[in-house]
Amino acid sequence: MSTSNDAKLTREFARLFRGRRDAWGSLPPKCNHEQINLAHYSRHLAGRVSLGIYPLLDDGTCFWAAADFDQEKPARWHSGRNDASPALSLMESLGHFGLNQGVCLEKTKGKGWRIWAFFSNAVPARNVRKLLFAALERAGLPTSIEVFPKQDFLAEPTPENPDPVGNFVHLPNFGGGPSGQRPGRVFVDPKTLAPITLAEMIGCVRAFPADALPLVLENLHLETSAGRPAPTPEHIAAMLSKPLAVGERRPTLVKLAGYLRYRGIPEQVALALLIPWAEKAFSEPLPPAEVEQHVRGIYRRYGLTQPRGGEIARRGTPFFAEVEL
């Protein structure tokens, strides 16, 4: 590979795994309070100095999240460090809630597996952690599995820790991955579990759009509230008859679409009901296309309408078979 290609790959790798810029983690575990630049990522990919990135930013947001499957010791939920089924179950659960893009699988060096979820822009760590723990629960996996970021917000400074930065995660592809000299810490195709090169991974992964995360969380809300008493017909009738202000439009529309979906009403019937209703009920009507977008988003467990020129990625497709946005 040419030097220019190496530099481009390093920049793309650094952009994908961006986090705090004022600290990084090294081995043995140590926090280094210094500015991070491309040289840190370059040394990591060259296999010289392993780079750990702190994902949690000062405002409580992050660009990515990870779930670490430590399977070195026997446990009821796995059959050993090479058992990928727990990690694949988490991927399936995330897709069930709507996070079906930007989720990747890493085979770690010796302990097991790691799931990464990448976002197009910074998203609240609190929301991502809530989603990951809900997906773990749905998959029947223990909540003791490490989730990064480990906190919703950074801890307050103390005399013992005057500059808290959270917890770091060592990045994959130390030494370049399967095309390099060091084993492990590589991305794999979830369908075959075969390692893929960093260039292949960078070229295929597409971060999940941050703007769509609120609707994924709405899917999560609908799922987790299933154990509560379902809305009564009277409650729904009240929602339908109440004039709605601007700030109430989307939340009410999402709830109604979720109710119809929960009751088994076909998607096209829901559209036929809700588009004309929205024109009358909203004090400032939304365009019909936007109403359709939200309704289809709930029905398809995804926060966007059907992509142009293709279907939403189905379960079992490789991580790079993603929706077109």
Protein backbone atom coordinates (compact mmCIF):
# COMPACT_ATOMS: atom_id res chain seq x y z
CA MET A 1 0.00 0.00 0.00
CA SER A 2 1.31 3.44 -0.87
CA THR A 3 2.19 6.03 1.77
CA SER A 4 -0.71 8.25 0.64
CA ASN A 5 -3.15 5.35 1.01
CA ASP A 6 -1.74 4.59 4.46
CA ALA A 7 -2.26 8.20 5.50
CA LYS A 8 -5.83 8.23 4.16
CA LEU A 9 -6.70 5.00 5.96
CA THR A 10 -5.24 6.37 9.20
CA ARG A 11 -7.36 9.53 8.90
CA GLU A 12 -10.51 7.51 8.26
CA PHE A 13 -9.69 5.19 11.17
CA ALA A 14 -9.16 8.18 13.46
CA ARG A 15 -12.42 9.78 12.38
CA LEU A 16 -14.39 6.60 13.00
CA PHE A 17 -12.89 6.14 16.46
CA ARG A 18 -12.94 9.75 17.55
CA GLY A 19 -13.39 10.54 21.21
CA ARG A 20 -11.69 12.74 23.77
CA ARG A 21 -8.71 14.62 22.43
CA ASP A 22 -7.09 15.46 25.75
CA ALA A 23 -6.29 11.97 27.04
CA TRP A 24 -5.60 8.44 25.82
CA GLY A 25 -5.05 5.02 27.36
CA SER A 26 -1.99 2.82 27.01
CA LEU A 27 -0.73 -0.59 28.15
CA PRO A 28 -0.24 -1.45 30.92
CA PRO A 29 -3.45 0.45 31.77
CA LYS A 30 -2.56 4.09 32.18
CA CYS A 31 -4.19 7.43 31.42
CA ASN A 32 -2.00 9.81 29.48
CA HIS A 33 -3.17 13.41 29.74
CA GLU A 34 -1.95 14.80 26.45
CA GLN A 35 -3.40 15.92 23.15
CA ILE A 36 -4.16 13.15 20.67
CA ASN A 37 -3.21 13.51 17.02
CA LEU A 38 -2.96 11.31 13.95
CA ALA A 39 0.44 10.07 15.05
CA HIS A 40 -1.20 8.17 17.92
CA TYR A 41 -3.49 6.35 15.49
CA SER A 42 -0.61 5.72 13.10
CA ARG A 43 1.56 4.15 15.81
CA HIS A 44 -1.38 1.96 16.82
CA LEU A 45 -1.98 0.68 13.29
CA ALA A 46 1.74 0.06 12.92
CA GLY A 47 1.69 -2.10 16.05
CA ARG A 48 4.06 0.10 18.03
CA VAL A 49 1.88 1.64 20.80
CA SER A 50 -1.62 0.40 21.54
CA LEU A 51 -4.13 3.26 21.62
CA GLY A 52 -7.07 3.43 23.99
CA ILE A 53 -9.71 6.09 23.33
CA TYR A 54 -11.98 7.68 25.93
CA PRO A 55 -15.44 7.93 24.33
CA LEU A 56 -17.27 10.16 26.86
CA LEU A 57 -17.06 13.88 26.08
CA ASP A 58 -17.48 16.77 28.50
CA ASP A 59 -21.12 17.35 27.49
CA GLY A 60 -22.13 13.73 28.11
CA THR A 61 -22.09 12.69 24.44
CA CYS A 62 -20.13 10.13 22.45
CA PHE A 63 -19.49 9.20 18.82
CA TRP A 64 -19.51 5.46 19.44
CA ALA A 65 -20.36 2.85 22.03
CA ALA A 66 -19.08 -0.66 22.67
CA ALA A 67 -20.08 -3.81 24.52
CA ASP A 68 -17.20 -6.01 25.69
CA PHE A 69 -17.85 -9.78 25.87
CA ASP A 70 -15.24 -11.17 28.25
CA GLN A 71 -15.61 -14.93 27.76
CA GLU A 72 -12.27 -16.04 29.15
CA LYS A 73 -13.91 -17.77 32.13
CA PRO A 74 -16.82 -20.25 31.84
CA ALA A 75 -20.31 -18.83 32.31
CA ARG A 76 -23.89 -19.94 31.71
CA TRP A 77 -24.38 -17.56 28.77
CA HIS A 78 -21.53 -18.74 26.53
CA SER A 79 -19.51 -21.84 25.68
CA GLY A 80 -16.08 -20.26 25.56
CA ARG A 81 -14.10 -17.40 24.11
CA ASN A 82 -14.77 -18.49 20.53
CA ASP A 83 -18.54 -18.61 20.99
CA ALA A 84 -19.84 -15.66 18.97
CA SER A 85 -23.53 -16.34 19.64
CA PRO A 86 -23.86 -13.87 22.55
CA ALA A 87 -22.41 -11.00 20.51
CA LEU A 88 -24.52 -11.93 17.50
CA SER A 89 -27.60 -12.01 19.74
CA LEU A 90 -26.85 -8.48 20.88
CA MET A 91 -26.50 -7.35 17.27
CA GLU A 92 -29.88 -8.91 16.50
CA SER A 93 -31.48 -7.17 19.49
CA LEU A 94 -30.06 -3.80 18.47
CA GLY A 95 -31.47 -4.36 15.00
CA HIS A 96 -34.83 -5.27 16.52
CA PHE A 97 -34.99 -1.84 18.14
CA GLY A 98 -33.88 -0.14 14.93
CA LEU A 99 -30.11 0.21 15.26
CA ASN A 100 -29.44 -1.75 12.07
CA GLN A 101 -26.62 0.33 10.67
CA GLY A 102 -23.11 1.08 11.90
CA VAL A 103 -22.98 -1.96 14.22
CA CYS A 104 -19.81 -4.05 13.83
CA LEU A 105 -18.27 -7.16 15.36
CA GLU A 106 -14.68 -7.45 16.57
CA LYS A 107 -12.84 -10.60 17.63
CA THR A 108 -10.67 -9.52 20.51
CA LYS A 109 -7.20 -10.85 21.11
CA GLY A 110 -7.99 -13.56 23.63
CA LYS A 111 -11.06 -12.95 25.78
CA GLY A 112 -13.94 -13.00 23.35
CA TRP A 113 -15.79 -10.44 21.26
CA ARG A 114 -16.72 -6.79 21.13
CA ILE A 115 -19.66 -5.01 19.53
CA TRP A 116 -19.13 -1.48 18.25
CA ALA A 117 -21.91 0.97 17.37
CA PHE A 118 -20.87 4.07 15.40
CA PHE A 119 -22.89 7.27 15.04
CA SER A 120 -22.66 10.01 12.43
CA ASN A 121 -22.47 12.72 15.10
CA ALA A 122 -22.16 12.88 18.86
CA VAL A 123 -25.20 11.41 20.67
CA PRO A 124 -26.12 11.43 24.38
CA ALA A 125 -24.27 8.65 26.17
CA ARG A 126 -27.28 8.20 28.46
CA ASN A 127 -29.47 7.25 25.50
CA VAL A 128 -26.95 4.87 23.96
CA ARG A 129 -26.34 3.12 27.27
CA LYS A 130 -30.08 2.75 27.82
CA LEU A 131 -30.41 1.17 24.39
CA LEU A 132 -27.50 -1.22 24.88
CA PHE A 133 -28.72 -2.43 28.27
CA ALA A 134 -32.24 -2.95 26.89
CA ALA A 135 -30.77 -4.95 23.99
CA LEU A 136 -28.72 -7.06 26.40
CA GLU A 137 -31.84 -7.79 28.43
CA ARG A 138 -33.85 -8.71 25.34
CA ALA A 139 -31.04 -11.06 24.24
CA GLY A 140 -31.05 -12.77 27.64
CA LEU A 141 -27.50 -11.62 28.36
CA PRO A 142 -26.18 -10.44 31.74
CA THR A 143 -26.06 -6.70 32.35
CA SER A 144 -22.63 -7.28 33.86
CA ILE A 145 -21.26 -7.21 30.30
CA GLU A 146 -19.15 -4.08 30.09
CA VAL A 147 -20.75 -1.26 28.16
CA PHE A 148 -18.77 1.80 27.07
CA PRO A 149 -19.16 4.62 27.87
CA LYS A 150 -19.50 3.35 31.42
CA GLN A 151 -21.19 6.52 32.63
CA ASP A 152 -23.89 8.89 31.43
CA PHE A 153 -21.77 11.88 32.44
CA LEU A 154 -18.23 12.41 33.67
CA ALA A 155 -17.69 12.31 37.41
CA GLU A 156 -17.14 15.50 39.32
CA PRO A 157 -13.46 16.39 39.94
CA THR A 158 -12.02 15.34 43.29
CA PRO A 159 -8.60 15.86 44.90
CA GLU A 160 -7.79 12.25 44.04
CA ASN A 161 -9.05 12.63 40.45
CA PRO A 162 -8.92 16.30 39.51
CA ASP A 163 -9.41 15.67 35.79
CA PRO A 164 -11.90 12.80 35.26
CA VAL A 165 -12.09 11.48 31.72
CA GLY A 166 -14.05 8.24 32.13
CA ASN A 167 -12.86 4.86 30.86
CA PHE A 168 -10.96 4.05 27.68
CA VAL A 169 -11.29 1.22 25.19
CA HIS A 170 -8.31 -0.18 23.31
CA LEU A 171 -8.94 0.14 19.61
CA PRO A 172 -8.98 -2.82 17.22
CA ASN A 173 -6.49 -3.46 14.40
CA PHE A 174 -3.37 -3.06 16.52
CA GLY A 175 -0.63 -3.84 14.05
CA GLY A 176 -2.97 -3.54 11.10
CA GLY A 177 -5.34 -6.45 11.70
CA PRO A 178 -5.49 -9.58 9.54
CA SER A 179 -3.18 -8.01 6.96
CA GLY A 180 -0.61 -7.27 9.67
CA GLN A 181 1.61 -9.41 11.88
CA ARG A 182 -0.42 -9.39 15.10
CA PRO A 183 -3.38 -11.76 15.68
CA GLY A 184 -6.69 -10.78 17.20
CA ARG A 185 -8.35 -7.41 17.67
CA VAL A 186 -9.82 -7.55 14.17
CA PHE A 187 -13.24 -6.98 12.68
CA VAL A 188 -15.05 -10.00 11.32
CA ASP A 189 -18.00 -10.59 9.02
CA PRO A 190 -20.88 -11.58 11.34
CA LYS A 191 -22.17 -14.12 8.80
CA THR A 192 -18.94 -16.06 8.42
CA LEU A 193 -16.83 -14.82 11.36
CA ALA A 194 -13.99 -14.48 8.85
CA PRO A 195 -11.61 -11.60 9.56
CA ILE A 196 -11.74 -8.63 7.23
CA THR A 197 -9.05 -6.09 6.57
CA LEU A 198 -9.22 -2.61 8.03
CA ALA A 199 -9.55 -1.14 4.54
CA GLU A 200 -12.56 -3.38 3.86
CA MET A 201 -14.15 -2.42 7.15
CA ILE A 202 -13.58 1.31 6.70
CA GLY A 203 -14.92 1.13 3.17
CA CYS A 204 -18.12 -0.64 4.17
CA VAL A 205 -19.20 0.65 7.56
CA ARG A 206 -21.67 3.52 7.61
CA ALA A 207 -22.29 5.25 10.91
CA PHE A 208 -25.87 5.28 12.17
CA PRO A 209 -27.47 8.70 11.59
CA ALA A 210 -27.60 10.53 14.90
CA ASP A 211 -30.86 12.23 13.93
CA ALA A 212 -32.58 8.83 13.77
CA LEU A 213 -31.62 7.76 17.29
CA PRO A 214 -34.66 9.44 18.97
CA LEU A 215 -37.02 7.26 16.94
CA VAL A 216 -35.02 4.16 17.84
CA LEU A 217 -35.50 5.18 21.47
CA GLU A 218 -39.21 5.55 20.80
CA ASN A 219 -39.20 1.95 19.53
CA LEU A 220 -37.45 1.02 22.76
CA HIS A 221 -40.10 2.87 24.76
CA LEU A 222 -42.91 1.06 22.97
CA GLU A 223 -41.22 -2.30 23.57
CA THR A 224 -40.41 -1.79 27.24
CA SER A 225 -43.84 -0.36 27.99
CA ALA A 226 -45.52 -3.49 26.62
CA GLY A 227 -45.78 -4.89 30.13
CA ARG A 228 -47.79 -1.88 31.27
CA PRO A 229 -51.55 -1.61 30.67
CA ALA A 230 -52.13 -0.98 26.97
CA PRO A 231 -53.74 2.34 26.02
CA THR A 232 -57.49 2.03 26.11
CA PRO A 233 -59.66 2.92 23.09
CA GLU A 234 -60.89 5.89 25.12
CA HIS A 235 -57.32 7.11 25.60
CA ILE A 236 -56.61 6.81 21.89
CA ALA A 237 -59.88 8.56 21.02
CA ALA A 238 -58.87 11.44 23.29
CA MET A 239 -55.52 11.72 21.53
CA LEU A 240 -57.24 11.76 18.16
CA SER A 241 -59.74 14.47 19.12
CA LYS A 242 -57.31 16.81 20.87
CA PRO A 243 -55.89 19.74 18.82
CA LEU A 244 -52.12 19.43 18.84
CA ALA A 245 -49.56 22.20 19.07
CA VAL A 246 -46.25 22.12 17.19
CA GLY A 247 -44.28 20.44 19.96
CA GLU A 248 -46.87 17.67 20.35
CA ARG A 249 -47.12 16.62 16.72
CA ARG A 250 -44.33 14.09 16.30
CA PRO A 251 -44.59 12.44 19.76
CA THR A 252 -48.35 11.93 19.33
CA LEU A 253 -47.94 10.66 15.78
CA VAL A 254 -45.29 8.16 16.88
CA LYS A 255 -47.49 6.94 19.76
CA LEU A 256 -50.48 6.49 17.50
CA ALA A 257 -48.46 4.65 14.87
CA GLY A 258 -46.99 2.44 17.58
CA TYR A 259 -50.47 1.70 18.95
CA LEU A 260 -51.80 0.72 15.52
CA ARG A 261 -48.74 -1.43 14.87
CA TYR A 262 -49.12 -3.06 18.31
CA ARG A 263 -52.77 -3.85 17.51
CA GLY A 264 -51.83 -5.49 14.22
CA ILE A 265 -53.19 -2.79 11.93
CA PRO A 266 -51.42 -3.04 8.51
CA GLU A 267 -48.95 -0.31 7.64
CA GLN A 268 -50.92 0.95 4.62
CA VAL A 269 -54.10 1.17 6.68
CA ALA A 270 -52.26 3.16 9.35
CA LEU A 271 -51.04 5.58 6.67
CA ALA A 272 -54.55 5.93 5.26
CA LEU A 273 -55.84 6.78 8.74
CA LEU A 274 -53.07 9.02 10.06
CA ILE A 275 -52.21 11.20 7.05
CA PRO A 276 -55.69 12.78 6.76
CA TRP A 277 -56.01 12.91 10.56
CA ALA A 278 -52.75 14.84 10.84
CA GLU A 279 -53.94 17.41 8.30
CA LYS A 280 -56.90 18.25 10.55
CA ALA A 281 -55.45 17.74 14.04
CA PHE A 282 -52.17 19.67 13.79
CA SER A 283 -52.33 23.40 14.37
CA GLU A 284 -49.51 23.66 11.83
CA PRO A 285 -49.80 20.61 9.53
CA LEU A 286 -46.78 18.50 8.68
CA PRO A 287 -46.22 17.63 5.02
CA PRO A 288 -47.86 14.27 4.21
CA ALA A 289 -44.47 12.88 3.23
CA GLU A 290 -43.12 13.62 6.72
CA VAL A 291 -46.14 12.01 8.36
CA GLU A 292 -45.55 8.95 6.18
CA GLN A 293 -41.89 8.92 7.17
CA HIS A 294 -42.68 8.70 10.88
CA VAL A 295 -45.38 6.06 10.46
CA ARG A 296 -43.21 3.84 8.28
CA GLY A 297 -40.35 4.35 10.72
CA ILE A 298 -42.34 2.84 13.58
CA TYR A 299 -43.68 -0.02 11.47
CA ARG A 300 -40.22 -0.95 10.25
CA ARG A 301 -38.42 -0.58 13.55
CA TYR A 302 -36.36 2.18 12.03
CA GLY A 303 -36.46 5.94 12.29
CA LEU A 304 -36.56 6.69 8.58
CA THR A 305 -38.81 5.93 5.65
CA GLN A 306 -38.06 3.14 3.18
CA PRO A 307 -34.68 3.92 1.57
CA ARG A 308 -34.45 4.99 -2.02
CA GLY A 309 -33.83 2.12 -4.39
CA GLY A 310 -33.70 -0.71 -1.88
CA GLU A 311 -35.11 -2.46 1.14
CA ILE A 312 -34.14 -1.96 4.73
CA ALA A 313 -31.37 -4.34 5.76
CA ARG A 314 -32.79 -7.66 6.92
CA ARG A 315 -31.53 -9.80 9.74
CA GLY A 316 -28.66 -12.02 8.75
CA THR A 317 -27.23 -9.65 6.17
CA PRO A 318 -23.57 -8.68 6.55
CA PHE A 319 -22.77 -5.58 8.58
CA PHE A 320 -22.01 -3.67 5.40
CA ALA A 321 -25.42 -4.35 3.82
CA GLU A 322 -26.98 -1.18 5.16
CA VAL A 323 -29.85 1.08 4.31
CA GLU A 324 -29.30 3.92 1.89
CA LEU A 325 -29.87 7.24 3.57
